[in-house]
N, C-alpha and C. Protein backbone atom coordinates (compact mmCIF):
# COMPACT_ATOMS: atom_id res chain seq x y z
N MET A 1 -2.64 -5.52 13.05
CA MET A 1 -1.72 -6.00 11.48
C MET A 1 -0.63 -6.29 12.45
N ALA A 2 -0.24 -5.82 13.79
CA ALA A 2 0.95 -6.41 14.23
C ALA A 2 1.10 -7.95 14.74
N MET A 3 -0.23 -8.45 15.08
CA MET A 3 -0.54 -9.99 15.42
C MET A 3 -0.02 -10.41 13.68
N SER A 4 -0.61 -10.07 12.74
CA SER A 4 -0.12 -10.34 11.41
C SER A 4 1.42 -10.35 11.34
N MET A 5 1.83 -9.43 11.56
CA MET A 5 3.37 -9.55 11.41
C MET A 5 4.14 -10.48 11.88
N LYS A 6 3.70 -11.06 13.05
CA LYS A 6 4.11 -12.00 13.81
C LYS A 6 4.10 -13.43 13.55
N THR A 7 2.36 -13.34 13.09
CA THR A 7 2.03 -15.01 13.04
C THR A 7 1.95 -15.11 11.28
N SER A 8 1.58 -14.60 10.59
CA SER A 8 0.82 -14.94 9.22
C SER A 8 2.15 -15.00 8.04
N THR A 9 2.67 -16.52 7.47
CA THR A 9 3.55 -16.42 6.63
C THR A 9 2.80 -16.09 5.31
N LEU A 10 2.01 -15.57 5.07
CA LEU A 10 1.55 -14.61 4.02
C LEU A 10 1.42 -13.39 4.19
N PHE A 11 1.68 -12.95 5.18
CA PHE A 11 2.20 -11.08 5.55
C PHE A 11 3.64 -11.20 5.09
N LYS A 12 4.39 -12.11 5.50
CA LYS A 12 5.69 -11.99 5.00
C LYS A 12 6.23 -12.41 3.44
N ALA A 13 5.22 -13.10 3.27
CA ALA A 13 5.29 -13.44 1.64
C ALA A 13 4.95 -11.86 0.83
N ARG A 14 4.17 -11.26 1.23
CA ARG A 14 3.62 -10.12 0.47
C ARG A 14 4.68 -9.13 0.51
N GLN A 15 5.75 -9.02 1.79
CA GLN A 15 6.56 -7.73 1.38
C GLN A 15 7.18 -8.16 0.40
N GLU A 16 7.42 -9.09 -0.09
CA GLU A 16 8.33 -9.53 -1.36
C GLU A 16 7.76 -8.92 -2.60
N HIS A 17 6.36 -8.58 -2.85
CA HIS A 17 5.58 -8.12 -3.75
C HIS A 17 4.91 -6.90 -3.94
N ILE A 18 5.14 -6.11 -2.60
CA ILE A 18 4.68 -5.12 -2.38
C ILE A 18 4.84 -3.65 -3.23
N GLU A 19 6.24 -3.60 -3.28
CA GLU A 19 6.61 -2.72 -4.15
C GLU A 19 6.07 -2.77 -5.68
N GLN A 20 6.41 -4.05 -6.09
CA GLN A 20 6.15 -4.14 -7.52
C GLN A 20 4.48 -4.12 -7.41
N LEU A 21 3.31 -4.40 -6.58
CA LEU A 21 2.07 -3.94 -6.65
C LEU A 21 1.94 -2.40 -6.70
N ASN A 22 2.71 -1.85 -5.97
CA ASN A 22 2.33 -0.33 -6.09
C ASN A 22 2.85 0.39 -7.40
N ASP A 23 4.20 -0.08 -7.67
CA ASP A 23 4.37 0.28 -9.22
C ASP A 23 3.23 -0.16 -10.42
N ASP A 24 2.69 -1.01 -10.17
CA ASP A 24 1.67 -1.58 -11.15
C ASP A 24 0.53 -0.87 -11.14
N LEU A 25 0.13 -0.67 -9.83
CA LEU A 25 -1.09 0.48 -9.66
C LEU A 25 -0.97 1.68 -10.30
N ALA A 26 0.45 2.32 -9.82
CA ALA A 26 0.84 3.71 -10.57
C ALA A 26 0.65 3.45 -12.06
N SER A 27 1.54 2.85 -12.90
CA SER A 27 1.42 2.45 -13.96
C SER A 27 -0.11 2.20 -14.35
N HIS A 28 -0.99 1.62 -14.15
CA HIS A 28 -2.21 1.54 -14.61
C HIS A 28 -3.15 2.60 -14.77
N LEU A 29 -2.94 3.26 -13.63
CA LEU A 29 -3.40 4.84 -13.26
C LEU A 29 -2.94 5.70 -14.21
N GLU A 30 -1.53 5.74 -14.45
CA GLU A 30 -1.29 6.73 -15.38
C GLU A 30 -1.89 6.39 -16.80
N ALA A 31 -1.74 4.87 -17.25
CA ALA A 31 -2.44 4.57 -18.53
C ALA A 31 -3.71 4.72 -18.65
N LYS A 32 -4.20 5.17 -17.45
CA LYS A 32 -6.23 4.80 -17.52
C LYS A 32 -6.69 3.87 -17.92
N ASP A 33 -6.09 2.52 -17.47
CA ASP A 33 -6.52 1.47 -17.69
C ASP A 33 -7.18 0.78 -16.42
N PHE A 34 -8.68 1.08 -16.27
CA PHE A 34 -9.22 0.90 -15.51
C PHE A 34 -9.64 -0.78 -15.19
N GLY A 35 -9.36 -1.43 -16.03
CA GLY A 35 -9.60 -2.95 -16.01
C GLY A 35 -8.49 -3.16 -15.34
N LYS A 36 -7.39 -3.31 -15.61
CA LYS A 36 -6.23 -3.77 -14.67
C LYS A 36 -5.86 -2.99 -13.62
N PHE A 37 -6.48 -1.84 -13.54
CA PHE A 37 -6.43 -1.48 -12.28
C PHE A 37 -7.34 -2.13 -11.13
N ALA A 38 -8.62 -2.26 -11.95
CA ALA A 38 -9.63 -3.02 -11.16
C ALA A 38 -8.91 -4.29 -10.86
N GLN A 39 -8.52 -5.00 -11.29
CA GLN A 39 -8.07 -6.49 -11.06
C GLN A 39 -6.92 -6.08 -9.94
N LEU A 40 -6.06 -5.10 -10.40
CA LEU A 40 -5.21 -5.49 -8.90
C LEU A 40 -5.78 -4.85 -7.72
N VAL A 41 -6.33 -4.03 -7.38
CA VAL A 41 -7.20 -3.22 -6.22
C VAL A 41 -7.88 -4.41 -5.64
N MET A 42 -8.90 -5.45 -6.64
CA MET A 42 -9.64 -6.51 -5.55
C MET A 42 -8.60 -7.78 -5.08
N ARG A 43 -7.61 -7.94 -6.03
CA ARG A 43 -6.68 -8.72 -5.75
C ARG A 43 -5.91 -8.55 -4.16
N ASP A 44 -5.45 -7.16 -4.23
CA ASP A 44 -4.76 -6.69 -3.49
C ASP A 44 -5.77 -7.02 -1.83
N SER A 45 -7.30 -6.33 -2.30
CA SER A 45 -7.89 -6.47 -0.90
C SER A 45 -7.91 -7.69 -0.35
N ASN A 46 -8.18 -8.84 -1.40
CA ASN A 46 -8.48 -10.24 -1.07
C ASN A 46 -7.17 -10.88 -0.52
N GLN A 47 -6.04 -10.39 -1.00
CA GLN A 47 -5.01 -10.54 -0.36
C GLN A 47 -4.73 -10.16 1.19
N LEU A 48 -4.98 -9.02 1.36
CA LEU A 48 -4.91 -8.68 2.70
C LEU A 48 -5.78 -9.29 3.56
N HIS A 49 -7.20 -9.41 3.52
CA HIS A 49 -7.90 -10.40 4.02
C HIS A 49 -7.41 -11.79 4.12
N ALA A 50 -6.85 -12.42 3.52
CA ALA A 50 -6.44 -13.84 3.19
C ALA A 50 -5.31 -13.61 4.25
N ILE A 51 -4.64 -12.66 4.37
CA ILE A 51 -3.43 -12.65 5.42
C ILE A 51 -4.18 -12.31 6.85
N CYS A 52 -5.34 -11.71 6.84
CA CYS A 52 -6.00 -11.58 8.62
C CYS A 52 -6.71 -13.08 8.62
N LEU A 53 -6.73 -13.83 7.74
CA LEU A 53 -7.32 -15.02 8.19
C LEU A 53 -5.88 -15.98 8.36
N ASP A 54 -5.07 -15.81 8.17
CA ASP A 54 -3.83 -16.65 8.58
C ASP A 54 -3.38 -16.16 9.83
N THR A 55 -3.57 -14.84 10.24
CA THR A 55 -3.01 -14.39 11.52
C THR A 55 -3.56 -15.51 12.70
N TYR A 56 -2.51 -15.77 13.47
CA TYR A 56 -3.47 -16.36 14.82
C TYR A 56 -3.06 -15.54 16.04
N PRO A 57 -4.32 -15.92 16.54
CA PRO A 57 -5.53 -16.10 16.26
C PRO A 57 -6.10 -15.13 14.93
N PRO A 58 -7.05 -15.87 14.27
CA PRO A 58 -7.47 -15.27 12.78
C PRO A 58 -8.34 -14.41 13.35
N ILE A 59 -7.97 -13.20 12.46
CA ILE A 59 -8.85 -11.91 12.56
C ILE A 59 -9.91 -11.91 11.27
N HIS A 60 -10.88 -12.04 11.78
CA HIS A 60 -12.40 -12.00 10.67
C HIS A 60 -13.18 -10.85 10.73
N TYR A 61 -12.72 -9.74 9.48
CA TYR A 61 -13.36 -8.41 9.45
C TYR A 61 -14.66 -8.37 8.53
N MET A 62 -14.42 -9.40 7.32
CA MET A 62 -15.46 -9.07 6.95
C MET A 62 -16.55 -10.13 7.22
N ASN A 63 -18.20 -9.70 7.09
CA ASN A 63 -19.24 -9.97 7.24
C ASN A 63 -20.43 -10.71 5.91
N LYS A 64 -21.37 -11.33 6.02
CA LYS A 64 -22.34 -11.54 5.36
C LYS A 64 -22.29 -10.76 4.31
N HIS A 65 -22.73 -9.18 4.65
CA HIS A 65 -22.81 -7.86 4.03
C HIS A 65 -21.90 -7.96 2.86
N THR A 66 -20.60 -7.80 3.34
CA THR A 66 -19.29 -7.54 2.47
C THR A 66 -19.53 -9.00 1.53
N HIS A 67 -19.26 -9.99 1.66
CA HIS A 67 -19.27 -10.87 1.08
C HIS A 67 -20.48 -11.01 -0.24
N SER A 68 -21.43 -10.91 0.15
CA SER A 68 -22.62 -10.49 -0.54
C SER A 68 -22.12 -9.87 -1.58
N ILE A 69 -21.71 -8.53 -1.56
CA ILE A 69 -21.14 -7.46 -2.48
C ILE A 69 -20.20 -7.69 -3.15
N ILE A 70 -19.34 -8.63 -2.74
CA ILE A 70 -17.97 -8.95 -3.56
C ILE A 70 -18.57 -10.02 -4.49
N SER A 71 -19.63 -10.98 -3.91
CA SER A 71 -20.22 -11.75 -4.97
C SER A 71 -20.79 -11.35 -5.94
N LEU A 72 -21.84 -10.03 -5.60
CA LEU A 72 -22.34 -9.44 -6.58
C LEU A 72 -21.29 -8.90 -8.06
N CYS A 73 -20.30 -8.08 -7.40
CA CYS A 73 -19.41 -7.43 -8.41
C CYS A 73 -18.89 -8.84 -9.26
N SER A 74 -18.28 -9.83 -8.58
CA SER A 74 -17.55 -10.87 -9.27
C SER A 74 -18.43 -11.49 -10.04
N ARG A 75 -19.54 -11.85 -9.95
CA ARG A 75 -20.59 -12.91 -10.61
C ARG A 75 -21.68 -12.21 -11.35
N LYS A 76 -22.09 -11.04 -11.13
CA LYS A 76 -23.30 -10.47 -11.88
C LYS A 76 -22.77 -9.31 -12.62
N ILE A 77 -22.05 -8.68 -11.98
CA ILE A 77 -21.73 -6.98 -12.70
C ILE A 77 -20.59 -7.41 -13.60
N ASN A 78 -19.48 -7.95 -13.39
CA ASN A 78 -17.76 -8.45 -13.97
C ASN A 78 -18.21 -9.64 -14.56
N THR A 79 -19.29 -9.72 -15.41
CA THR A 79 -19.13 -10.67 -16.46
C THR A 79 -18.24 -11.44 -17.00
N ASP A 80 -17.13 -10.16 -17.72
CA ASP A 80 -15.60 -10.36 -18.45
C ASP A 80 -14.83 -10.33 -17.00
N PRO A 81 -14.17 -10.99 -16.56
CA PRO A 81 -13.00 -10.73 -15.96
C PRO A 81 -12.04 -10.01 -16.05
N ALA A 82 -11.52 -10.16 -17.75
CA ALA A 82 -10.73 -9.46 -18.46
C ALA A 82 -10.98 -7.79 -18.14
N GLN A 83 -12.40 -7.22 -18.27
CA GLN A 83 -12.77 -5.97 -18.41
C GLN A 83 -13.64 -5.62 -17.30
N PRO A 84 -13.60 -5.57 -16.25
CA PRO A 84 -14.58 -5.51 -14.99
C PRO A 84 -15.19 -4.22 -14.79
N LYS A 85 -16.26 -3.99 -14.52
CA LYS A 85 -17.05 -2.78 -14.53
C LYS A 85 -17.21 -2.35 -13.05
N VAL A 86 -16.85 -2.72 -12.27
CA VAL A 86 -16.86 -2.56 -10.87
C VAL A 86 -15.47 -3.06 -10.16
N CYS A 87 -14.87 -2.51 -9.14
CA CYS A 87 -14.15 -3.08 -8.42
C CYS A 87 -14.38 -2.56 -6.89
N TYR A 88 -13.93 -3.66 -6.08
CA TYR A 88 -14.30 -3.41 -4.40
C TYR A 88 -12.75 -3.42 -4.17
N SER A 89 -12.52 -2.81 -2.69
CA SER A 89 -11.89 -2.95 -1.50
C SER A 89 -12.34 -2.64 -0.69
N VAL A 90 -11.91 -3.56 0.53
CA VAL A 90 -12.41 -3.91 2.00
C VAL A 90 -11.28 -3.27 3.03
N ASP A 91 -11.78 -2.38 3.79
CA ASP A 91 -10.87 -1.62 4.63
C ASP A 91 -10.39 -2.55 5.65
N ALA A 92 -9.53 -2.40 6.96
CA ALA A 92 -9.25 -3.42 7.64
C ALA A 92 -10.56 -3.17 8.64
N GLY A 93 -11.85 -3.73 8.24
CA GLY A 93 -13.09 -3.69 8.97
C GLY A 93 -14.25 -4.43 7.95
N PHE A 94 -15.29 -4.08 8.02
CA PHE A 94 -15.99 -4.65 6.81
C PHE A 94 -16.74 -3.82 6.05
N HIS A 95 -16.34 -2.47 6.30
CA HIS A 95 -16.86 -1.46 4.90
C HIS A 95 -16.01 -2.06 3.64
N ILE A 96 -16.54 -2.00 2.52
CA ILE A 96 -16.26 -2.05 1.11
C ILE A 96 -16.50 -0.65 0.67
N MET A 97 -15.50 -0.32 -0.07
CA MET A 97 -15.65 0.53 -1.22
C MET A 97 -15.87 -0.02 -2.76
N LEU A 98 -16.64 0.86 -3.73
CA LEU A 98 -16.56 0.10 -4.82
C LEU A 98 -16.26 1.37 -5.76
N PHE A 99 -15.44 1.07 -6.80
CA PHE A 99 -14.86 2.08 -7.77
C PHE A 99 -15.44 1.55 -8.88
N CYS A 100 -16.06 2.65 -9.62
CA CYS A 100 -16.35 2.23 -11.44
C CYS A 100 -16.69 3.33 -12.08
N LEU A 101 -16.48 2.72 -13.21
CA LEU A 101 -16.60 4.17 -14.20
C LEU A 101 -17.99 4.94 -14.32
N LYS A 102 -17.79 6.20 -14.69
CA LYS A 102 -19.42 6.97 -14.70
C LYS A 102 -19.95 5.96 -15.80
N SER A 103 -19.63 5.56 -16.46
CA SER A 103 -20.41 4.58 -17.97
C SER A 103 -21.45 3.61 -17.23
N ASP A 104 -20.30 3.09 -16.21
CA ASP A 104 -21.11 1.79 -15.42
C ASP A 104 -21.71 1.98 -14.27
N LEU A 105 -22.00 3.24 -14.01
CA LEU A 105 -22.36 3.36 -12.58
C LEU A 105 -23.90 3.02 -12.17
N GLN A 106 -24.46 3.20 -13.45
CA GLN A 106 -26.19 3.07 -13.21
C GLN A 106 -26.19 1.04 -13.21
N LEU A 107 -25.46 0.54 -14.28
CA LEU A 107 -25.20 -0.94 -13.79
C LEU A 107 -25.07 -1.69 -12.22
N VAL A 108 -24.06 -0.93 -11.85
CA VAL A 108 -23.87 -0.96 -10.52
C VAL A 108 -24.88 -0.64 -9.68
N LYS A 109 -25.29 0.52 -9.72
CA LYS A 109 -26.50 0.86 -8.87
C LYS A 109 -27.52 -0.09 -8.95
N GLU A 110 -27.84 -0.32 -10.11
CA GLU A 110 -29.30 -1.25 -10.22
C GLU A 110 -29.13 -2.61 -9.75
N THR A 111 -28.05 -3.33 -9.96
CA THR A 111 -27.66 -4.41 -9.46
C THR A 111 -27.52 -4.62 -8.06
N LEU A 112 -27.08 -3.68 -7.18
CA LEU A 112 -26.79 -3.89 -5.58
C LEU A 112 -28.39 -3.73 -5.40
N VAL A 113 -28.82 -2.71 -5.85
CA VAL A 113 -30.09 -2.09 -4.81
C VAL A 113 -31.20 -3.51 -5.33
N GLU A 114 -31.08 -4.05 -6.85
CA GLU A 114 -31.89 -5.27 -7.13
C GLU A 114 -31.87 -6.58 -6.22
N ASN A 115 -30.41 -6.74 -5.79
CA ASN A 115 -30.05 -8.06 -5.21
C ASN A 115 -30.07 -7.61 -3.42
N LEU A 116 -29.84 -6.56 -3.14
CA LEU A 116 -29.23 -6.20 -1.74
C LEU A 116 -30.04 -5.03 -0.91
N GLY A 117 -30.75 -4.16 -2.05
CA GLY A 117 -31.28 -2.75 -1.54
C GLY A 117 -32.31 -3.15 -0.50
N GLU A 118 -32.45 -1.66 -0.01
CA GLU A 118 -33.74 -1.47 0.62
C GLU A 118 -33.75 0.35 0.77
N ALA A 119 -34.83 0.71 0.88
CA ALA A 119 -34.79 2.24 0.43
C ALA A 119 -34.05 3.19 1.22
N ALA A 120 -33.64 3.71 0.74
CA ALA A 120 -32.59 4.97 1.35
C ALA A 120 -33.32 6.15 2.05
N PRO A 121 -32.78 5.92 3.39
CA PRO A 121 -33.57 6.97 4.67
C PRO A 121 -33.55 8.42 3.55
N GLU A 122 -34.49 9.18 4.03
CA GLU A 122 -34.75 10.50 3.33
C GLU A 122 -33.09 11.58 3.45
N GLY A 123 -32.82 11.76 2.25
CA GLY A 123 -31.45 12.73 2.42
C GLY A 123 -30.39 12.02 2.54
N GLN A 124 -30.25 10.43 2.50
CA GLN A 124 -29.48 9.92 2.51
C GLN A 124 -28.94 9.23 0.90
N PRO A 125 -27.75 9.26 0.59
CA PRO A 125 -27.40 8.43 -0.68
C PRO A 125 -28.03 7.17 -0.87
N TRP A 126 -28.21 7.18 -2.33
CA TRP A 126 -29.07 5.95 -2.93
C TRP A 126 -28.73 4.80 -2.22
N PHE A 127 -27.25 4.42 -1.69
CA PHE A 127 -26.74 3.04 -1.53
C PHE A 127 -26.93 2.92 0.26
N ALA A 128 -27.43 3.87 0.69
CA ALA A 128 -27.52 3.93 2.41
C ALA A 128 -28.51 2.80 3.09
N GLY A 129 -28.95 2.13 1.71
CA GLY A 129 -30.06 1.15 2.45
C GLY A 129 -29.16 -0.44 2.37
N ILE A 130 -28.04 -0.35 1.78
CA ILE A 130 -27.05 -1.73 1.50
C ILE A 130 -26.37 -1.57 2.60
N GLY A 131 -26.32 -2.67 3.42
CA GLY A 131 -25.32 -3.08 4.50
C GLY A 131 -24.08 -3.20 4.30
N CYS A 132 -22.92 -2.23 4.79
CA CYS A 132 -21.74 -2.10 4.72
C CYS A 132 -20.96 -1.03 3.50
N LEU A 133 -21.94 -0.64 2.79
CA LEU A 133 -21.32 -0.16 1.65
C LEU A 133 -21.38 1.01 2.29
N GLU A 134 -20.02 1.46 2.25
CA GLU A 134 -19.92 3.12 2.47
C GLU A 134 -19.62 4.16 1.75
N ARG A 135 -19.32 3.65 0.43
CA ARG A 135 -19.27 4.94 -0.46
C ARG A 135 -18.89 4.05 -1.93
N ILE A 136 -19.29 4.96 -2.99
CA ILE A 136 -19.33 4.33 -4.33
C ILE A 136 -18.17 5.61 -5.08
N ILE A 137 -17.18 5.19 -5.68
CA ILE A 137 -16.60 6.09 -6.76
C ILE A 137 -16.50 6.21 -7.80
N GLU A 138 -17.09 7.40 -8.37
CA GLU A 138 -17.07 7.31 -10.00
C GLU A 138 -15.80 8.36 -10.07
N THR A 139 -15.42 7.68 -11.29
CA THR A 139 -14.04 7.55 -12.01
C THR A 139 -13.80 7.81 -13.23
N ASN A 140 -12.86 8.49 -13.73
CA ASN A 140 -12.91 9.03 -15.08
C ASN A 140 -11.14 7.93 -15.53
N ILE A 141 -10.61 7.10 -14.67
CA ILE A 141 -9.70 6.04 -15.19
C ILE A 141 -10.38 5.63 -16.32
N ALA A 142 -9.48 5.50 -17.25
CA ALA A 142 -10.05 4.71 -18.71
C ALA A 142 -9.23 5.28 -19.86
N ARG A 143 -9.12 4.30 -20.68
CA ARG A 143 -8.14 4.76 -21.90
C ARG A 143 -8.83 6.02 -22.11
N GLN A 144 -10.09 6.23 -22.89
CA GLN A 144 -10.36 7.40 -23.13
C GLN A 144 -10.81 8.54 -22.18
N GLY A 145 -10.44 8.02 -21.26
CA GLY A 145 -11.13 9.22 -19.61
C GLY A 145 -10.28 10.55 -19.87
N THR A 146 -10.26 11.35 -19.04
CA THR A 146 -9.50 12.44 -18.97
C THR A 146 -8.68 12.83 -18.40
N GLU A 147 -8.68 13.63 -17.09
CA GLU A 147 -7.93 13.61 -16.14
C GLU A 147 -8.02 12.62 -14.95
N ILE A 148 -7.01 12.00 -14.86
CA ILE A 148 -7.13 11.28 -13.26
C ILE A 148 -7.49 12.02 -12.09
N LEU A 149 -8.60 11.28 -11.49
CA LEU A 149 -9.21 12.25 -10.37
C LEU A 149 -8.25 11.69 -9.02
């Protein structure tokens, strides 16, 4: 990120909004509003990778597997953008983390395995055969949820 701080105009613009983003994320967690939380998490992840591309020389972290999972989340699973069922966050690399409500986990599993999956090795989680998917986080963040995990 040192190079991004020096060369990316998007990085500089992000600094003006980062506190508000953090406040909004905390607010959505407290309200147990998964839909709004999910939208912000995905936009934040996209913005961080846009900063990487705006850096000179550009930093390319995401790969074809990452893009495939993002596309499935955006186009096949989240059919109603106002009420996403899954959200993704991509670290400073190509590993993607997915967040979903327990009630939507089966849909997420089926969609990913049907479109990207291979048989997971013995003793590994079901998603071990999906390139670059590091973990899926099941959560109770919802209006009808219980405690925030």
